[in-house]
Amino acid sequence: MSPERQLAEVRFLTVAEVAAIMRVSKMTVYRMVHGGELPAVRVGRSFRVPASAVDDYLKNSFVETA
């Protein structure tokens, strides 16, 4: 599969959508993006986060408790 085709199939989410999925505020998502914890693409004055990045972040954030 060509790189252009792969990029065209990436699903991007808005900051508000990411905040709703993660059940945090939009400001928290902005902090995560600016802090490098969550990759994002800047489109004009807004950010778009790949859905796969949100999935990966959540999968790697689970904590085992006793």
Protein backbone atom coordinates (compact mmCIF):
# COMPACT_ATOMS: atom_id res chain seq x y z
CA MET A 1 0.00 0.00 0.00
CA SER A 2 1.37 3.42 -0.95
CA PRO A 3 2.16 6.00 1.75
CA GLU A 4 -0.46 8.38 0.30
CA ARG A 5 -3.12 5.69 0.56
CA GLN A 6 -2.16 4.91 4.15
CA LEU A 7 -2.33 8.57 5.14
CA ALA A 8 -5.72 8.97 3.45
CA GLU A 9 -7.10 6.18 5.63
CA VAL A 10 -5.99 7.77 8.93
CA ARG A 11 -8.98 8.95 10.96
CA PHE A 12 -8.36 12.28 12.67
CA LEU A 13 -10.25 13.52 15.73
CA THR A 14 -10.77 17.06 16.97
CA VAL A 15 -9.60 18.09 20.42
CA ALA A 16 -13.23 18.12 21.58
CA GLU A 17 -13.76 14.55 20.31
CA VAL A 18 -10.59 13.35 22.06
CA ALA A 19 -11.68 15.06 25.27
CA ALA A 20 -15.07 13.33 25.09
CA ILE A 21 -13.50 9.91 24.46
CA MET A 22 -11.03 10.29 27.31
CA ARG A 23 -13.55 12.08 29.56
CA VAL A 24 -11.19 14.97 30.28
CA SER A 25 -11.35 18.67 29.49
CA LYS A 26 -10.22 20.13 26.18
CA MET A 27 -7.48 21.99 28.07
CA THR A 28 -6.09 18.65 29.27
CA VAL A 29 -5.92 17.43 25.67
CA TYR A 30 -4.17 20.65 24.61
CA ARG A 31 -1.63 20.16 27.42
CA MET A 32 -1.02 16.58 26.28
CA VAL A 33 -0.50 17.72 22.68
CA HIS A 34 1.84 20.58 23.61
CA GLY A 35 3.70 18.34 26.08
CA GLY A 36 4.34 15.71 23.42
CA GLU A 37 2.32 12.98 25.13
CA LEU A 38 -0.21 12.89 22.29
CA PRO A 39 0.84 13.42 18.66
CA ALA A 40 -1.23 15.88 16.64
CA VAL A 41 -1.30 17.70 13.33
CA ARG A 42 -2.00 21.39 13.20
CA VAL A 43 -4.64 22.33 10.62
CA GLY A 44 -5.01 26.08 10.45
CA ARG A 45 -5.60 27.21 14.02
CA SER A 46 -6.80 23.85 15.32
CA PHE A 47 -5.28 20.46 16.06
CA ARG A 48 -6.26 17.03 14.79
CA VAL A 49 -5.21 13.89 16.63
CA PRO A 50 -4.98 10.51 14.89
CA ALA A 51 -7.55 8.12 16.39
CA SER A 52 -4.88 5.41 16.57
CA ALA A 53 -2.75 7.69 18.79
CA VAL A 54 -5.64 8.05 21.24
CA ASP A 55 -6.15 4.26 21.25
CA ASP A 56 -2.43 3.66 21.83
CA TYR A 57 -2.27 6.23 24.63
CA LEU A 58 -5.23 4.67 26.43
CA LYS A 59 -3.91 1.12 26.01
CA ASN A 60 -0.53 2.08 27.44
CA SER A 61 -2.04 4.06 30.33
CA PHE A 62 -3.73 1.20 32.13
CA VAL A 63 -2.38 0.64 35.62
CA GLU A 64 -2.52 -2.67 37.44
CA THR A 65 -3.79 -2.36 41.00
CA ALA A 66 -3.67 -4.80 43.85
